[in-house]
Amino acid sequence: MGFDLKGKISEIIDKIKNDKGLMDKFKASPENTVEELIGVDIPDGMLSKVVDGVKSGIVADKAKDALGALKNLF
């Protein structure tokens, strides 16, 4: 059974977006927060890719929410 990296990144994004305390923890220490949420030790090279993916997903979701709010104004 393989490790579903994209699925884990999506899961982490959802958890972080829905928990302000977790978001603050992620901002302060993204690598440690990701490893805690995944529950396994990830090699550094792969960890940085996971963290980048989570950051990108959070930013993309915030941009989508902002565009949706603007759309509702018109």
Protein backbone atom coordinates (compact mmCIF):
# COMPACT_ATOMS: atom_id res chain seq x y z
CA MET A 1 0.00 0.00 0.00
CA GLY A 2 1.49 3.37 -1.07
CA PHE A 3 1.51 6.72 0.59
CA ASP A 4 -1.08 9.09 -0.98
CA LEU A 5 0.85 12.36 -0.78
CA LYS A 6 -1.72 14.52 -2.59
CA GLY A 7 -4.46 13.13 -0.39
CA LYS A 8 -2.46 13.85 2.76
CA ILE A 9 -1.72 17.41 1.61
CA SER A 10 -5.45 18.02 1.00
CA GLU A 11 -6.28 16.55 4.39
CA ILE A 12 -3.72 18.77 6.12
CA ILE A 13 -4.98 21.88 4.29
CA ASP A 14 -8.54 21.16 5.45
CA LYS A 15 -7.44 20.62 9.05
CA ILE A 16 -5.35 23.79 9.14
CA LYS A 17 -8.00 25.96 7.47
CA ASN A 18 -10.63 24.87 9.97
CA ASP A 19 -8.57 25.33 13.14
CA LYS A 20 -7.16 28.78 13.97
CA GLY A 21 -4.84 27.36 16.63
CA LEU A 22 -3.46 24.86 14.13
CA MET A 23 -3.05 27.66 11.55
CA ASP A 24 -1.03 29.68 14.07
CA LYS A 25 1.08 26.63 14.89
CA PHE A 26 1.66 25.99 11.16
CA LYS A 27 2.74 29.60 10.62
CA ALA A 28 5.21 29.34 13.50
CA SER A 29 6.60 25.89 12.65
CA PRO A 30 5.28 24.43 9.39
CA GLU A 31 7.59 21.42 9.23
CA ASN A 32 6.83 20.22 12.75
CA THR A 33 3.09 20.80 12.31
CA VAL A 34 2.99 18.81 9.07
CA GLU A 35 4.93 15.91 10.60
CA GLU A 36 2.59 15.87 13.60
CA LEU A 37 -0.49 15.82 11.37
CA ILE A 38 0.86 13.10 9.10
CA GLY A 39 2.07 11.05 12.02
CA VAL A 40 5.31 9.85 10.42
CA ASP A 41 8.82 11.19 10.09
CA ILE A 42 9.26 12.53 6.56
CA PRO A 43 12.68 12.95 4.93
CA ASP A 44 13.67 16.65 4.77
CA GLY A 45 13.57 16.90 0.97
CA MET A 46 10.09 15.46 0.84
CA LEU A 47 8.95 17.43 3.90
CA SER A 48 9.74 20.76 2.27
CA LYS A 49 7.66 19.74 -0.78
CA VAL A 50 4.73 18.78 1.45
CA VAL A 51 4.98 22.08 3.35
CA ASP A 52 5.13 24.01 0.06
CA GLY A 53 2.07 22.12 -1.18
CA VAL A 54 0.15 22.91 2.00
CA LYS A 55 1.12 26.59 1.83
CA SER A 56 0.07 26.77 -1.83
CA GLY A 57 -3.24 25.10 -1.07
CA ILE A 58 -4.02 27.48 1.78
CA VAL A 59 -3.17 30.53 -0.34
CA ALA A 60 -5.22 29.22 -3.28
CA ASP A 61 -8.24 28.60 -1.06
CA LYS A 62 -7.99 32.08 0.46
CA ALA A 63 -7.79 33.62 -3.02
CA LYS A 64 -10.80 31.59 -4.16
CA ASP A 65 -12.78 32.72 -1.08
CA ALA A 66 -11.86 36.36 -1.73
CA LEU A 67 -12.92 36.12 -5.38
CA GLY A 68 -16.19 34.53 -4.33
CA ALA A 69 -16.85 37.38 -1.93
CA LEU A 70 -16.13 39.94 -4.63
CA LYS A 71 -18.41 38.11 -7.06
CA ASN A 72 -21.26 38.39 -4.54
CA LEU A 73 -20.90 42.18 -4.52
CA PHE A 74 -22.01 42.47 -8.14
